[in-house]
């Protein structure tokens, strides 16, 4: 069923808002993917704050043109059956969600992504982003690295204390 002009304007406004608020909008082809699989993708992506939408490219292009911060984005790659993944809090989350889903559904292929700065990046760059750990994982790795010397000192002191107690115990029993 065709969308009315009013409904199309609502979709364009919604897409413009999502594009303006998104730190990274990942674009992927989904041709050959079942509706049930797309629904599973939406459900899985929602867990990390990513919204997945299937919208006509023409409406997305209108939304891009109406969004001040990204109106100069190159839209020549927006062809075919595409889905768009938006995330307003994490740049890597949409790429990770789609990459994880693509492992079990190879019909999902990256086309590229639109950054918050209004730059269209290639599919290879999106794949590289998808391979990065999440923001929380990176923070945990930094904290673990910073705490490593503290743990080393604690273990060293603990080891000497155990050796001292073992020595006292052996003298007491002798």
Protein backbone atom coordinates (compact mmCIF):
# COMPACT_ATOMS: atom_id res chain seq x y z
CA UNK A 1 0.00 0.00 0.00
CA UNK A 2 1.39 3.38 -1.02
CA UNK A 3 2.14 5.96 1.65
CA UNK A 4 0.19 9.21 1.64
CA UNK A 5 2.06 12.52 1.36
CA UNK A 6 1.39 13.24 5.04
CA UNK A 7 2.76 9.85 6.08
CA UNK A 8 5.83 10.32 3.86
CA UNK A 9 6.46 13.71 5.49
CA UNK A 10 6.22 12.06 8.93
CA UNK A 11 8.73 9.38 7.88
CA UNK A 12 11.12 12.04 6.51
CA UNK A 13 10.84 14.02 9.76
CA UNK A 14 11.48 10.90 11.85
CA UNK A 15 14.49 9.92 9.71
CA UNK A 16 15.86 13.48 9.89
CA UNK A 17 15.64 13.37 13.69
CA UNK A 18 17.31 9.94 13.87
CA UNK A 19 20.08 11.06 11.50
CA UNK A 20 20.66 14.30 13.43
CA UNK A 21 20.89 12.52 16.80
CA UNK A 22 22.84 9.46 15.64
CA UNK A 23 26.58 9.31 16.25
CA UNK A 24 26.83 6.76 13.44
CA UNK A 25 24.23 5.58 10.92
CA UNK A 26 25.24 2.30 9.31
CA UNK A 27 23.76 1.41 5.92
CA UNK A 28 23.50 -2.22 4.78
CA UNK A 29 21.89 -4.23 2.01
CA UNK A 30 19.41 -6.82 3.18
CA UNK A 31 18.24 -8.40 -0.07
CA UNK A 32 17.41 -12.05 0.52
CA UNK A 33 16.91 -11.64 4.28
CA UNK A 34 13.57 -12.85 5.63
CA UNK A 35 11.18 -10.61 7.52
CA UNK A 36 11.55 -12.87 10.56
CA UNK A 37 15.34 -12.40 10.45
CA UNK A 38 14.98 -8.59 10.18
CA UNK A 39 12.68 -8.66 13.22
CA UNK A 40 15.31 -10.68 15.12
CA UNK A 41 17.95 -8.14 14.06
CA UNK A 42 15.81 -5.27 15.36
CA UNK A 43 15.29 -7.07 18.67
CA UNK A 44 18.99 -7.90 19.10
CA UNK A 45 20.16 -4.42 18.07
CA UNK A 46 17.74 -2.75 20.48
CA UNK A 47 19.66 -4.36 23.37
CA UNK A 48 22.65 -2.07 22.74
CA UNK A 49 20.58 1.03 21.94
CA UNK A 50 20.57 0.66 18.15
CA UNK A 51 17.43 1.29 16.11
CA UNK A 52 17.16 -0.56 12.79
CA UNK A 53 14.80 0.82 10.12
CA UNK A 54 13.92 -0.19 6.59
CA UNK A 55 12.93 2.98 4.70
CA UNK A 56 12.80 3.93 1.04
CA UNK A 57 16.10 5.46 -0.02
CA UNK A 58 14.35 8.45 -1.59
CA UNK A 59 12.83 9.36 1.79
CA UNK A 60 16.18 8.97 3.55
CA UNK A 61 17.84 11.21 0.96
CA UNK A 62 15.16 13.86 1.60
CA UNK A 63 15.80 13.52 5.33
CA UNK A 64 19.56 13.93 4.78
CA UNK A 65 18.97 17.04 2.67
CA UNK A 66 16.76 18.52 5.39
CA UNK A 67 19.27 17.83 8.20
CA UNK A 68 21.67 20.76 8.52
CA UNK A 69 24.64 18.88 10.00
CA UNK A 70 24.78 16.20 7.30
CA UNK A 71 23.14 17.77 4.25
CA UNK A 72 26.38 17.54 2.20
CA UNK A 73 26.68 13.74 2.52
CA UNK A 74 27.32 11.85 -0.71
CA UNK A 75 24.17 9.77 -1.27
CA UNK A 76 25.20 8.01 -4.49
CA UNK A 77 25.71 4.68 -2.65
CA UNK A 78 22.11 4.64 -1.37
CA UNK A 79 20.71 2.25 -3.98
CA UNK A 80 18.83 -1.01 -3.71
CA UNK A 81 17.17 -2.58 -0.69
CA UNK A 82 18.83 -0.92 2.29
CA UNK A 83 18.36 -0.87 6.02
CA UNK A 84 19.63 1.83 8.32
CA UNK A 85 20.97 1.32 11.85
CA UNK A 86 21.05 4.37 14.16
CA UNK A 87 22.63 4.83 17.58
CA UNK A 88 22.74 8.11 19.48
CA UNK A 89 25.16 7.02 22.22
CA UNK A 90 27.81 4.78 20.66
CA UNK A 91 29.55 5.06 17.29
CA UNK A 92 30.51 1.40 17.10
CA UNK A 93 27.26 -0.21 18.31
CA UNK A 94 25.31 -0.17 15.01
CA UNK A 95 28.23 -1.64 13.07
CA UNK A 96 28.79 -4.31 15.74
CA UNK A 97 25.12 -5.25 15.84
CA UNK A 98 24.94 -5.67 12.07
CA UNK A 99 28.29 -7.52 11.90
CA UNK A 100 27.20 -9.95 14.61
CA UNK A 101 23.92 -10.55 12.80
CA UNK A 102 25.69 -10.94 9.44
CA UNK A 103 27.70 -13.89 10.83
CA UNK A 104 24.52 -15.98 10.86
CA UNK A 105 22.80 -14.16 7.97
CA UNK A 106 25.33 -13.55 5.20
CA UNK A 107 22.71 -11.75 3.09
CA UNK A 108 23.43 -8.60 5.15
CA UNK A 109 26.21 -6.63 3.41
CA UNK A 110 27.62 -3.28 4.58
CA UNK A 111 27.24 -0.39 2.12
CA UNK A 112 28.81 2.28 4.32
CA UNK A 113 27.92 4.67 7.12
CA UNK A 114 27.09 8.29 7.76
CA UNK A 115 29.03 9.89 10.60
CA UNK A 116 27.72 12.61 12.90
CA UNK A 117 30.09 15.03 11.14
CA UNK A 118 28.35 14.42 7.82
CA UNK A 119 30.91 12.17 6.15
CA UNK A 120 30.01 8.97 4.27
CA UNK A 121 32.51 6.23 5.09
CA UNK A 122 33.09 3.06 3.06
CA UNK A 123 32.00 -0.47 3.88
CA UNK A 124 35.61 -1.46 4.64
CA UNK A 125 35.85 1.29 7.26
CA UNK A 126 32.54 0.13 8.76
CA UNK A 127 33.85 -3.46 8.95
CA UNK A 128 36.95 -2.15 10.76
CA UNK A 129 34.72 -0.27 13.23
CA UNK A 130 32.61 -3.39 13.78
CA UNK A 131 35.73 -5.30 14.82
CA UNK A 132 36.47 -2.82 17.62
CA UNK A 133 35.43 -3.68 21.17
CA UNK A 134 32.50 -1.74 22.63
CA UNK A 135 33.02 1.47 24.57
CA UNK A 136 32.48 -0.32 27.90
CA UNK A 137 34.98 -3.05 26.94
CA UNK A 138 37.60 -0.43 26.08
CA UNK A 139 37.05 1.37 29.40
CA UNK A 140 37.37 -1.95 31.25
CA UNK A 141 40.64 -2.71 29.42
CA UNK A 142 42.08 0.70 30.36
CA UNK A 143 41.06 0.27 34.00
CA UNK A 144 42.58 -3.23 34.06
CA UNK A 145 45.81 -1.88 32.59
CA UNK A 146 45.95 0.90 35.17
CA UNK A 147 45.28 -1.54 38.02
CA UNK A 148 47.88 -4.06 36.85
CA UNK A 149 50.81 -2.57 38.85
CA UNK A 150 48.65 -2.43 41.98
CA UNK A 151 47.72 -6.10 41.59
CA UNK A 152 51.38 -7.01 40.98
CA UNK A 153 52.48 -5.28 44.19
CA UNK A 154 49.64 -6.88 46.15
CA UNK A 155 50.51 -10.33 44.83
CA UNK A 156 54.20 -9.85 45.59
CA UNK A 157 53.48 -8.78 49.16
CA UNK A 158 50.97 -11.58 49.57
CA UNK A 159 53.50 -14.13 48.29
CA UNK A 160 56.16 -12.97 50.78
CA UNK A 161 53.64 -13.06 53.62
CA UNK A 162 52.64 -16.63 52.74
CA UNK A 163 56.30 -17.67 52.59
CA UNK A 164 56.92 -16.05 56.00
CA UNK A 165 53.91 -17.81 57.52
CA UNK A 166 55.00 -21.14 56.03
CA UNK A 167 58.47 -20.66 57.52
CA UNK A 168 57.06 -19.82 60.97
CA UNK A 169 54.74 -22.82 60.81
CA UNK A 170 57.61 -25.17 59.92
CA UNK A 171 59.72 -23.82 62.82
CA UNK A 172 56.78 -24.19 65.23
CA UNK A 173 56.23 -27.84 64.30
CA UNK A 174 59.91 -28.73 64.45
